[in-house]
Amino acid sequence: MKIFDPSIHINLSSQNSQLDEFVFLDIEASGLGFNSYPIEVAYATSNDETASALIKPNHDWLESGEWDSNAERNIHKITQHVLLEQGKSAKAVAAELNSALKGKLIFCNDLAYDGVWLAKLFKVADVGVEFFLTDIRAFFDFIGKEKTSSYKSAYEDISVETIHRALPDALRFVSAYKLVSGH
């Protein structure tokens, strides 16, 4: 079984990427420490497809994982109770992600964090990852400094009511892409 390896970085080039669809994935976690775990995942595409899911913590995460109550109160505002009541199993979330994103190149804001949380999700689900996740910096390298500056300006100009929730964060990245690319 292939589990995602966040240490692998993809270098985009005109030979390996047509970018006919821009897909961005965001993950919210229980905290920022080593023992934190994924609690919400969402993706948005330049073709206006979106999906979001709360992740029900498994027994091991609840027993030995890190829950940052400050993050709950001040950042994502998702309680463990909500996750236990409304969350989907890691296996269900991983299957949905694989089904929707199979074979696609997916961008994330910070591979060092999102990659680790994605790996934890898929490890608990006991399934392999069927898509490719890379850091948004690979996209910036691909489009060059001028367009990256335009992208970052567009991103900053987009207001969102809810920050640090997976779907609004993913939509903000895709909206900036659409503004810069003319989609």
C-alpha atoms as a PDB file:
ATOM      1  CA  MET A   1       0.000   0.000   0.000  1.00  0.00           C
ATOM      2  CA  LYS A   2       1.343   3.405  -0.976  1.00  0.00           C
ATOM      3  CA  ILE A   3       1.065   6.036   1.740  1.00  0.00           C
ATOM      4  CA  PHE A   4       1.714   9.625   0.758  1.00  0.00           C
ATOM      5  CA  ASP A   5       5.295  10.750   1.302  1.00  0.00           C
ATOM      6  CA  PRO A   6       5.350  14.504   2.072  1.00  0.00           C
ATOM      7  CA  SER A   7       9.092  14.666   1.412  1.00  0.00           C
ATOM      8  CA  ILE A   8       8.529  14.201  -2.322  1.00  0.00           C
ATOM      9  CA  HIS A   9       8.308  17.507  -4.165  1.00  0.00           C
ATOM     10  CA  ILE A  10       7.049  17.770  -7.715  1.00  0.00           C
ATOM     11  CA  ASN A  11       8.765  20.131 -10.125  1.00  0.00           C
ATOM     12  CA  LEU A  12       6.285  21.395 -12.669  1.00  0.00           C
ATOM     13  CA  SER A  13       7.288  22.029 -16.239  1.00  0.00           C
ATOM     14  CA  SER A  14       5.453  22.561 -19.487  1.00  0.00           C
ATOM     15  CA  GLN A  15       6.215  18.908 -20.254  1.00  0.00           C
ATOM     16  CA  ASN A  16       4.548  17.432 -17.148  1.00  0.00           C
ATOM     17  CA  SER A  17       1.735  19.881 -16.465  1.00  0.00           C
ATOM     18  CA  GLN A  18      -0.968  21.338 -18.638  1.00  0.00           C
ATOM     19  CA  LEU A  19      -2.772  22.901 -15.652  1.00  0.00           C
ATOM     20  CA  ASP A  20      -6.124  22.659 -17.400  1.00  0.00           C
ATOM     21  CA  GLU A  21      -7.547  22.273 -13.904  1.00  0.00           C
ATOM     22  CA  PHE A  22      -6.187  23.837 -10.745  1.00  0.00           C
ATOM     23  CA  VAL A  23      -7.019  21.788  -7.626  1.00  0.00           C
ATOM     24  CA  PHE A  24      -6.290  22.953  -4.119  1.00  0.00           C
ATOM     25  CA  LEU A  25      -6.635  20.848  -0.949  1.00  0.00           C
ATOM     26  CA  ASP A  26      -6.629  22.153   2.599  1.00  0.00           C
ATOM     27  CA  ILE A  27      -6.530  20.272   5.878  1.00  0.00           C
ATOM     28  CA  GLU A  28      -7.347  21.558   9.336  1.00  0.00           C
ATOM     29  CA  ALA A  29      -5.797  19.730  12.252  1.00  0.00           C
ATOM     30  CA  SER A  30      -6.216  19.308  15.978  1.00  0.00           C
ATOM     31  CA  GLY A  31      -3.047  21.338  16.557  1.00  0.00           C
ATOM     32  CA  LEU A  32       0.330  22.077  15.033  1.00  0.00           C
ATOM     33  CA  GLY A  33       2.416  19.633  17.057  1.00  0.00           C
ATOM     34  CA  PHE A  34       3.863  16.279  16.024  1.00  0.00           C
ATOM     35  CA  ASN A  35       0.972  14.337  17.601  1.00  0.00           C
ATOM     36  CA  SER A  36      -1.784  16.430  16.036  1.00  0.00           C
ATOM     37  CA  TYR A  37      -4.201  14.764  13.646  1.00  0.00           C
ATOM     38  CA  PRO A  38      -6.453  15.797  10.739  1.00  0.00           C
ATOM     39  CA  ILE A  39      -9.950  16.993  11.648  1.00  0.00           C
ATOM     40  CA  GLU A  40     -11.237  18.493   8.389  1.00  0.00           C
ATOM     41  CA  VAL A  41     -10.282  18.224   4.718  1.00  0.00           C
ATOM     42  CA  ALA A  42     -11.628  20.014   1.670  1.00  0.00           C
ATOM     43  CA  TYR A  43     -10.704  20.638  -1.916  1.00  0.00           C
ATOM     44  CA  ALA A  44     -11.775  23.134  -4.538  1.00  0.00           C
ATOM     45  CA  THR A  45     -11.070  23.115  -8.275  1.00  0.00           C
ATOM     46  CA  SER A  46     -10.932  25.734 -11.004  1.00  0.00           C
ATOM     47  CA  ASN A  47     -13.823  23.784 -12.579  1.00  0.00           C
ATOM     48  CA  ASP A  48     -16.012  24.720  -9.583  1.00  0.00           C
ATOM     49  CA  GLU A  49     -15.988  21.304  -7.938  1.00  0.00           C
ATOM     50  CA  THR A  50     -15.757  21.277  -4.153  1.00  0.00           C
ATOM     51  CA  ALA A  51     -16.017  18.829  -1.313  1.00  0.00           C
ATOM     52  CA  SER A  52     -15.476  19.062   2.415  1.00  0.00           C
ATOM     53  CA  ALA A  53     -15.568  16.571   5.258  1.00  0.00           C
ATOM     54  CA  LEU A  54     -15.116  16.582   8.986  1.00  0.00           C
ATOM     55  CA  ILE A  55     -12.992  13.645  10.123  1.00  0.00           C
ATOM     56  CA  LYS A  56     -14.071  11.558  13.082  1.00  0.00           C
ATOM     57  CA  PRO A  57     -11.017  10.958  15.276  1.00  0.00           C
ATOM     58  CA  ASN A  58     -10.122   7.304  15.668  1.00  0.00           C
ATOM     59  CA  HIS A  59      -9.434   5.771  19.071  1.00  0.00           C
ATOM     60  CA  ASP A  60      -5.635   6.167  18.846  1.00  0.00           C
ATOM     61  CA  TRP A  61      -5.904   9.851  17.969  1.00  0.00           C
ATOM     62  CA  LEU A  62      -8.201  10.449  20.927  1.00  0.00           C
ATOM     63  CA  GLU A  63      -5.969   8.486  23.304  1.00  0.00           C
ATOM     64  CA  SER A  64      -2.511   9.696  22.299  1.00  0.00           C
ATOM     65  CA  GLY A  65      -3.046  12.549  19.845  1.00  0.00           C
ATOM     66  CA  GLU A  66      -2.669  16.221  20.592  1.00  0.00           C
ATOM     67  CA  TRP A  67      -5.812  18.342  20.931  1.00  0.00           C
ATOM     68  CA  ASP A  68      -5.021  22.054  21.069  1.00  0.00           C
ATOM     69  CA  SER A  69      -7.886  23.749  22.912  1.00  0.00           C
ATOM     70  CA  ASN A  70      -6.517  27.163  21.900  1.00  0.00           C
ATOM     71  CA  ALA A  71      -6.848  26.168  18.215  1.00  0.00           C
ATOM     72  CA  GLU A  72     -10.390  24.982  18.924  1.00  0.00           C
ATOM     73  CA  ARG A  73     -11.338  28.301  20.541  1.00  0.00           C
ATOM     74  CA  ASN A  74      -9.420  30.727  18.347  1.00  0.00           C
ATOM     75  CA  ILE A  75      -8.543  29.144  15.010  1.00  0.00           C
ATOM     76  CA  HIS A  76     -10.733  26.420  13.455  1.00  0.00           C
ATOM     77  CA  LYS A  77     -13.490  26.520  16.123  1.00  0.00           C
ATOM     78  CA  ILE A  78     -14.334  22.836  15.632  1.00  0.00           C
ATOM     79  CA  THR A  79     -14.968  20.867  18.820  1.00  0.00           C
ATOM     80  CA  GLN A  80     -14.135  17.219  19.400  1.00  0.00           C
ATOM     81  CA  HIS A  81     -17.823  16.687  20.151  1.00  0.00           C
ATOM     82  CA  VAL A  82     -18.768  17.958  16.683  1.00  0.00           C
ATOM     83  CA  LEU A  83     -16.158  15.680  15.101  1.00  0.00           C
ATOM     84  CA  LEU A  84     -17.444  12.651  16.993  1.00  0.00           C
ATOM     85  CA  GLU A  85     -21.068  13.433  16.126  1.00  0.00           C
ATOM     86  CA  GLN A  86     -20.740  14.695  12.546  1.00  0.00           C
ATOM     87  CA  GLY A  87     -17.361  13.451  11.328  1.00  0.00           C
ATOM     88  CA  LYS A  88     -16.862  10.700   8.771  1.00  0.00           C
ATOM     89  CA  SER A  89     -14.466   7.840   9.336  1.00  0.00           C
ATOM     90  CA  ALA A  90     -10.936   8.194   8.007  1.00  0.00           C
ATOM     91  CA  LYS A  91     -11.633   5.290   5.650  1.00  0.00           C
ATOM     92  CA  ALA A  92     -14.708   7.020   4.177  1.00  0.00           C
ATOM     93  CA  VAL A  93     -12.892  10.357   3.764  1.00  0.00           C
ATOM     94  CA  ALA A  94      -9.840   8.720   2.148  1.00  0.00           C
ATOM     95  CA  ALA A  95     -12.083   6.774  -0.263  1.00  0.00           C
ATOM     96  CA  GLU A  96     -13.955   9.948  -1.236  1.00  0.00           C
ATOM     97  CA  LEU A  97     -10.703  11.844  -1.838  1.00  0.00           C
ATOM     98  CA  ASN A  98      -9.272   9.013  -3.953  1.00  0.00           C
ATOM     99  CA  SER A  99     -12.460   8.728  -5.981  1.00  0.00           C
ATOM    100  CA  ALA A 100     -12.648  12.453  -6.733  1.00  0.00           C
ATOM    101  CA  LEU A 101      -8.948  13.225  -7.169  1.00  0.00           C
ATOM    102  CA  LYS A 102      -7.478  10.030  -8.638  1.00  0.00           C
ATOM    103  CA  GLY A 103      -4.435  10.704 -10.788  1.00  0.00           C
ATOM    104  CA  LYS A 104      -4.617  14.488 -10.375  1.00  0.00           C
ATOM    105  CA  LEU A 105      -1.979  16.932  -9.227  1.00  0.00           C
ATOM    106  CA  ILE A 106      -3.212  18.655  -6.083  1.00  0.00           C
ATOM    107  CA  PHE A 107      -1.726  21.758  -4.483  1.00  0.00           C
ATOM    108  CA  CYS A 108      -1.642  22.579  -0.785  1.00  0.00           C
ATOM    109  CA  ASN A 109      -0.484  25.610   1.153  1.00  0.00           C
ATOM    110  CA  ASP A 110       2.170  23.929   3.285  1.00  0.00           C
ATOM    111  CA  LEU A 111       3.273  20.439   2.363  1.00  0.00           C
ATOM    112  CA  ALA A 112       5.245  20.057   5.596  1.00  0.00           C
ATOM    113  CA  TYR A 113       1.991  20.123   7.569  1.00  0.00           C
ATOM    114  CA  ASP A 114      -0.727  19.101   5.107  1.00  0.00           C
ATOM    115  CA  GLY A 115       1.358  16.195   3.802  1.00  0.00           C
ATOM    116  CA  VAL A 116       1.890  14.797   7.287  1.00  0.00           C
ATOM    117  CA  TRP A 117      -1.802  15.088   8.155  1.00  0.00           C
ATOM    118  CA  LEU A 118      -2.799  13.526   4.834  1.00  0.00           C
ATOM    119  CA  ALA A 119      -0.390  10.643   5.515  1.00  0.00           C
ATOM    120  CA  LYS A 120      -1.951  10.156   8.966  1.00  0.00           C
ATOM    121  CA  LEU A 121      -5.438  10.113   7.460  1.00  0.00           C
ATOM    122  CA  PHE A 122      -4.560   7.526   4.813  1.00  0.00           C
ATOM    123  CA  LYS A 123      -2.545   5.389   7.251  1.00  0.00           C
ATOM    124  CA  VAL A 124      -5.498   5.119   9.617  1.00  0.00           C
ATOM    125  CA  ALA A 125      -7.791   4.447   6.637  1.00  0.00           C
ATOM    126  CA  ASP A 126      -5.388   1.684   5.547  1.00  0.00           C
ATOM    127  CA  VAL A 127      -5.553   2.684   1.875  1.00  0.00           C
ATOM    128  CA  GLY A 128      -3.043   4.162  -0.530  1.00  0.00           C
ATOM    129  CA  VAL A 129      -3.196   7.679  -1.926  1.00  0.00           C
ATOM    130  CA  GLU A 130      -4.220   7.792  -5.587  1.00  0.00           C
ATOM    131  CA  PHE A 131      -3.396  11.426  -6.327  1.00  0.00           C
ATOM    132  CA  PHE A 132      -0.302  13.646  -6.171  1.00  0.00           C
ATOM    133  CA  LEU A 133       0.003  16.356  -3.532  1.00  0.00           C
ATOM    134  CA  THR A 134       2.585  19.099  -3.814  1.00  0.00           C
ATOM    135  CA  ASP A 135       3.236  22.468  -2.256  1.00  0.00           C
ATOM    136  CA  ILE A 136       1.848  25.648  -3.809  1.00  0.00           C
ATOM    137  CA  ARG A 137       5.466  26.802  -4.154  1.00  0.00           C
ATOM    138  CA  ALA A 138       5.852  24.349  -7.063  1.00  0.00           C
ATOM    139  CA  PHE A 139       3.051  26.255  -8.786  1.00  0.00           C
ATOM    140  CA  PHE A 140       4.742  29.581  -8.008  1.00  0.00           C
ATOM    141  CA  ASP A 141       8.025  28.324  -9.458  1.00  0.00           C
ATOM    142  CA  PHE A 142       6.129  27.197 -12.552  1.00  0.00           C
ATOM    143  CA  ILE A 143       4.333  30.504 -13.215  1.00  0.00           C
ATOM    144  CA  GLY A 144       7.311  32.745 -12.401  1.00  0.00           C
ATOM    145  CA  LYS A 145       7.895  35.729 -10.134  1.00  0.00           C
ATOM    146  CA  GLU A 146       5.622  38.233 -11.878  1.00  0.00           C
ATOM    147  CA  LYS A 147       2.545  36.004 -11.926  1.00  0.00           C
ATOM    148  CA  THR A 148       3.322  34.789  -8.407  1.00  0.00           C
ATOM    149  CA  SER A 149       3.267  38.385  -7.207  1.00  0.00           C
ATOM    150  CA  SER A 150      -0.082  38.903  -8.969  1.00  0.00           C
ATOM    151  CA  TYR A 151      -1.415  35.671  -7.467  1.00  0.00           C
ATOM    152  CA  LYS A 152      -0.381  36.638  -3.944  1.00  0.00           C
ATOM    153  CA  SER A 153      -1.937  40.094  -4.331  1.00  0.00           C
ATOM    154  CA  ALA A 154      -5.177  38.578  -5.616  1.00  0.00           C
ATOM    155  CA  TYR A 155      -5.183  36.091  -2.742  1.00  0.00           C
ATOM    156  CA  GLU A 156      -4.759  38.878  -0.166  1.00  0.00           C
ATOM    157  CA  ASP A 157      -7.570  40.912  -1.774  1.00  0.00           C
ATOM    158  CA  ILE A 158     -10.079  38.058  -1.491  1.00  0.00           C
ATOM    159  CA  SER A 159     -12.029  38.390   1.718  1.00  0.00           C
ATOM    160  CA  VAL A 160     -13.473  35.371   3.443  1.00  0.00           C
ATOM    161  CA  GLU A 161     -15.825  35.299   6.389  1.00  0.00           C
ATOM    162  CA  THR A 162     -14.428  32.072   7.804  1.00  0.00           C
ATOM    163  CA  ILE A 163     -10.696  31.533   7.842  1.00  0.00           C
ATOM    164  CA  HIS A 164      -8.964  28.409   9.062  1.00  0.00           C
ATOM    165  CA  ARG A 165     -11.731  26.179   7.814  1.00  0.00           C
ATOM    166  CA  ALA A 166     -10.751  23.840   5.027  1.00  0.00           C
ATOM    167  CA  LEU A 167     -13.273  24.693   2.298  1.00  0.00           C
ATOM    168  CA  PRO A 168     -13.165  28.512   2.557  1.00  0.00           C
ATOM    169  CA  ASP A 169      -9.359  28.353   2.606  1.00  0.00           C
ATOM    170  CA  ALA A 170      -9.262  26.078  -0.466  1.00  0.00           C
ATOM    171  CA  LEU A 171     -11.758  28.274  -2.308  1.00  0.00           C
ATOM    172  CA  ARG A 172      -9.647  31.368  -1.612  1.00  0.00           C
ATOM    173  CA  PHE A 173      -6.593  29.773  -3.285  1.00  0.00           C
ATOM    174  CA  VAL A 174      -8.653  28.704  -6.304  1.00  0.00           C
ATOM    175  CA  SER A 175     -10.316  32.118  -6.583  1.00  0.00           C
ATOM    176  CA  ALA A 176      -6.889  33.780  -6.711  1.00  0.00           C
ATOM    177  CA  TYR A 177      -5.859  31.306  -9.426  1.00  0.00           C
ATOM    178  CA  LYS A 178      -8.955  32.165 -11.471  1.00  0.00           C
ATOM    179  CA  LEU A 179      -8.298  35.896 -11.179  1.00  0.00           C
ATOM    180  CA  VAL A 180      -4.695  35.556 -12.329  1.00  0.00           C
ATOM    181  CA  SER A 181      -5.296  32.969 -15.051  1.00  0.00           C
ATOM    182  CA  GLY A 182      -8.425  34.550 -16.498  1.00  0.00           C
ATOM    183  CA  HIS A 183     -10.676  31.549 -15.825  1.00  0.00           C
END
